[in-house]
Amino acid sequence: ENEILYLHFFLQQEKVRNYLKEHMEGTTKRRRLKVDTIMKFLLPLPPLQEQKEIAEILQTVDKKIEIEKKKKELYEELFKTMLNKIMNGEVDVEKIVIP
């Protein structure tokens, strides 16, 4: 599984994606890569243990990013709720104490 994750994360790199985009053929709606283009693409393949470690680190980073996105969504929702309460007069702005 980690080997697949390593490949997934490698293919997500902007420089890799740009290289593959540049070598796509076909019309705008049906762009594809030829097998020989993919076969010529050199994939750096560290030892299996290193691939697993890289994949685990990147998974951890992805999880942390997801947690931070959820926190941001919660703070935005809290802001909207508080703004709505202030605008409706449910919260007296004069009594808000900022530490």
C-alpha atoms as a PDB file:
ATOM      1  CA  GLU A   1       0.000   0.000   0.000  1.00  0.00           C
ATOM      2  CA  ASN A   2       2.779   2.465   0.864  1.00  0.00           C
ATOM      3  CA  GLU A   3       4.386   1.812  -2.510  1.00  0.00           C
ATOM      4  CA  ILE A   4       1.200   2.956  -4.216  1.00  0.00           C
ATOM      5  CA  LEU A   5       1.060   6.001  -1.947  1.00  0.00           C
ATOM      6  CA  TYR A   6       4.649   6.831  -2.862  1.00  0.00           C
ATOM      7  CA  LEU A   7       3.689   6.763  -6.550  1.00  0.00           C
ATOM      8  CA  HIS A   8       0.566   8.811  -5.839  1.00  0.00           C
ATOM      9  CA  PHE A   9       2.510  11.537  -4.030  1.00  0.00           C
ATOM     10  CA  PHE A  10       5.253  11.517  -6.663  1.00  0.00           C
ATOM     11  CA  LEU A  11       2.717  12.030  -9.445  1.00  0.00           C
ATOM     12  CA  GLN A  12       1.121  14.933  -7.542  1.00  0.00           C
ATOM     13  CA  GLN A  13       4.279  17.040  -7.813  1.00  0.00           C
ATOM     14  CA  GLU A  14       3.782  20.094  -9.990  1.00  0.00           C
ATOM     15  CA  LYS A  15       6.904  19.466 -12.099  1.00  0.00           C
ATOM     16  CA  VAL A  16       5.815  15.880 -12.795  1.00  0.00           C
ATOM     17  CA  ARG A  17       2.276  16.938 -13.678  1.00  0.00           C
ATOM     18  CA  ASN A  18       3.596  19.684 -15.963  1.00  0.00           C
ATOM     19  CA  TYR A  19       5.922  17.228 -17.737  1.00  0.00           C
ATOM     20  CA  LEU A  20       3.072  14.796 -18.320  1.00  0.00           C
ATOM     21  CA  LYS A  21       0.731  17.590 -19.502  1.00  0.00           C
ATOM     22  CA  GLU A  22       3.334  18.738 -22.027  1.00  0.00           C
ATOM     23  CA  HIS A  23       3.503  15.252 -23.513  1.00  0.00           C
ATOM     24  CA  MET A  24      -0.226  14.643 -23.840  1.00  0.00           C
ATOM     25  CA  GLU A  25      -1.696  14.167 -27.283  1.00  0.00           C
ATOM     26  CA  GLY A  26      -5.162  14.422 -28.752  1.00  0.00           C
ATOM     27  CA  THR A  27      -7.925  16.974 -28.734  1.00  0.00           C
ATOM     28  CA  THR A  28      -8.764  19.151 -25.764  1.00  0.00           C
ATOM     29  CA  LYS A  29     -11.562  16.841 -24.635  1.00  0.00           C
ATOM     30  CA  ARG A  30      -9.649  13.582 -25.238  1.00  0.00           C
ATOM     31  CA  ARG A  31      -6.075  14.271 -24.121  1.00  0.00           C
ATOM     32  CA  ARG A  32      -4.000  11.196 -23.271  1.00  0.00           C
ATOM     33  CA  LEU A  33      -0.471   9.974 -22.786  1.00  0.00           C
ATOM     34  CA  LYS A  34       1.136   7.403 -25.026  1.00  0.00           C
ATOM     35  CA  VAL A  35       2.518   4.338 -23.272  1.00  0.00           C
ATOM     36  CA  ASP A  36       6.023   4.981 -24.654  1.00  0.00           C
ATOM     37  CA  THR A  37       5.963   8.505 -23.127  1.00  0.00           C
ATOM     38  CA  ILE A  38       5.186   7.031 -19.748  1.00  0.00           C
ATOM     39  CA  MET A  39       7.792   4.297 -20.226  1.00  0.00           C
ATOM     40  CA  LYS A  40      10.462   6.934 -20.955  1.00  0.00           C
ATOM     41  CA  PHE A  41       9.565   8.845 -17.809  1.00  0.00           C
ATOM     42  CA  LEU A  42      12.148   8.168 -15.126  1.00  0.00           C
ATOM     43  CA  LEU A  43      10.638   7.540 -11.746  1.00  0.00           C
ATOM     44  CA  PRO A  44      13.132   7.885  -8.912  1.00  0.00           C
ATOM     45  CA  LEU A  45      12.703   4.678  -6.991  1.00  0.00           C
ATOM     46  CA  PRO A  46      14.385   4.680  -3.614  1.00  0.00           C
ATOM     47  CA  PRO A  47      14.617   1.442  -1.633  1.00  0.00           C
ATOM     48  CA  LEU A  48      11.279   0.013  -0.538  1.00  0.00           C
ATOM     49  CA  GLN A  49      11.761   0.962   3.114  1.00  0.00           C
ATOM     50  CA  GLU A  50      12.482   4.562   2.124  1.00  0.00           C
ATOM     51  CA  GLN A  51       9.377   4.628  -0.092  1.00  0.00           C
ATOM     52  CA  LYS A  52       7.304   3.497   2.892  1.00  0.00           C
ATOM     53  CA  GLU A  53       8.817   6.173   5.125  1.00  0.00           C
ATOM     54  CA  ILE A  54       8.216   8.890   2.520  1.00  0.00           C
ATOM     55  CA  ALA A  55       4.608   7.763   2.063  1.00  0.00           C
ATOM     56  CA  GLU A  56       4.002   7.707   5.830  1.00  0.00           C
ATOM     57  CA  ILE A  57       5.440  11.202   6.270  1.00  0.00           C
ATOM     58  CA  LEU A  58       3.342  12.589   3.433  1.00  0.00           C
ATOM     59  CA  GLN A  59       0.229  10.876   4.776  1.00  0.00           C
ATOM     60  CA  THR A  60       0.837  12.523   8.154  1.00  0.00           C
ATOM     61  CA  VAL A  61       1.254  15.920   6.480  1.00  0.00           C
ATOM     62  CA  ASP A  62      -1.956  15.392   4.486  1.00  0.00           C
ATOM     63  CA  LYS A  63      -3.849  14.506   7.673  1.00  0.00           C
ATOM     64  CA  LYS A  64      -2.547  17.644   9.404  1.00  0.00           C
ATOM     65  CA  ILE A  65      -3.575  19.769   6.428  1.00  0.00           C
ATOM     66  CA  GLU A  66      -7.065  18.246   6.542  1.00  0.00           C
ATOM     67  CA  ILE A  67      -7.329  18.979  10.279  1.00  0.00           C
ATOM     68  CA  GLU A  68      -6.287  22.604   9.693  1.00  0.00           C
ATOM     69  CA  LYS A  69      -8.851  22.969   6.888  1.00  0.00           C
ATOM     70  CA  LYS A  70     -11.582  21.715   9.212  1.00  0.00           C
ATOM     71  CA  LYS A  71     -10.451  24.139  11.931  1.00  0.00           C
ATOM     72  CA  LYS A  72     -10.572  26.989   9.431  1.00  0.00           C
ATOM     73  CA  GLU A  73     -14.105  25.998   8.385  1.00  0.00           C
ATOM     74  CA  LEU A  74     -15.192  25.943  12.040  1.00  0.00           C
ATOM     75  CA  TYR A  75     -13.659  29.375  12.716  1.00  0.00           C
ATOM     76  CA  GLU A  76     -15.348  30.782   9.605  1.00  0.00           C
ATOM     77  CA  GLU A  77     -18.679  29.379  10.743  1.00  0.00           C
ATOM     78  CA  LEU A  78     -18.155  30.825  14.231  1.00  0.00           C
ATOM     79  CA  PHE A  79     -17.321  34.207  12.698  1.00  0.00           C
ATOM     80  CA  LYS A  80     -20.480  34.168  10.574  1.00  0.00           C
ATOM     81  CA  THR A  81     -22.588  33.173  13.566  1.00  0.00           C
ATOM     82  CA  MET A  82     -21.117  35.896  15.770  1.00  0.00           C
ATOM     83  CA  LEU A  83     -21.430  38.506  13.020  1.00  0.00           C
ATOM     84  CA  ASN A  84     -25.066  37.543  12.545  1.00  0.00           C
ATOM     85  CA  LYS A  85     -25.718  37.830  16.297  1.00  0.00           C
ATOM     86  CA  ILE A  86     -24.019  41.236  16.415  1.00  0.00           C
ATOM     87  CA  MET A  87     -25.988  42.493  13.404  1.00  0.00           C
ATOM     88  CA  ASN A  88     -29.261  41.262  14.969  1.00  0.00           C
ATOM     89  CA  GLY A  89     -28.464  42.945  18.273  1.00  0.00           C
ATOM     90  CA  GLU A  90     -28.204  39.645  20.155  1.00  0.00           C
ATOM     91  CA  VAL A  91     -24.672  40.570  21.249  1.00  0.00           C
ATOM     92  CA  ASP A  92     -23.843  43.968  22.710  1.00  0.00           C
ATOM     93  CA  VAL A  93     -20.594  45.043  21.072  1.00  0.00           C
ATOM     94  CA  GLU A  94     -19.950  47.513  23.880  1.00  0.00           C
ATOM     95  CA  LYS A  95     -19.696  44.651  26.378  1.00  0.00           C
ATOM     96  CA  ILE A  96     -17.196  42.574  24.391  1.00  0.00           C
ATOM     97  CA  VAL A  97     -13.898  42.373  26.268  1.00  0.00           C
ATOM     98  CA  ILE A  98     -10.777  41.708  24.242  1.00  0.00           C
ATOM     99  CA  PRO A  99      -7.935  40.304  26.340  1.00  0.00           C
END
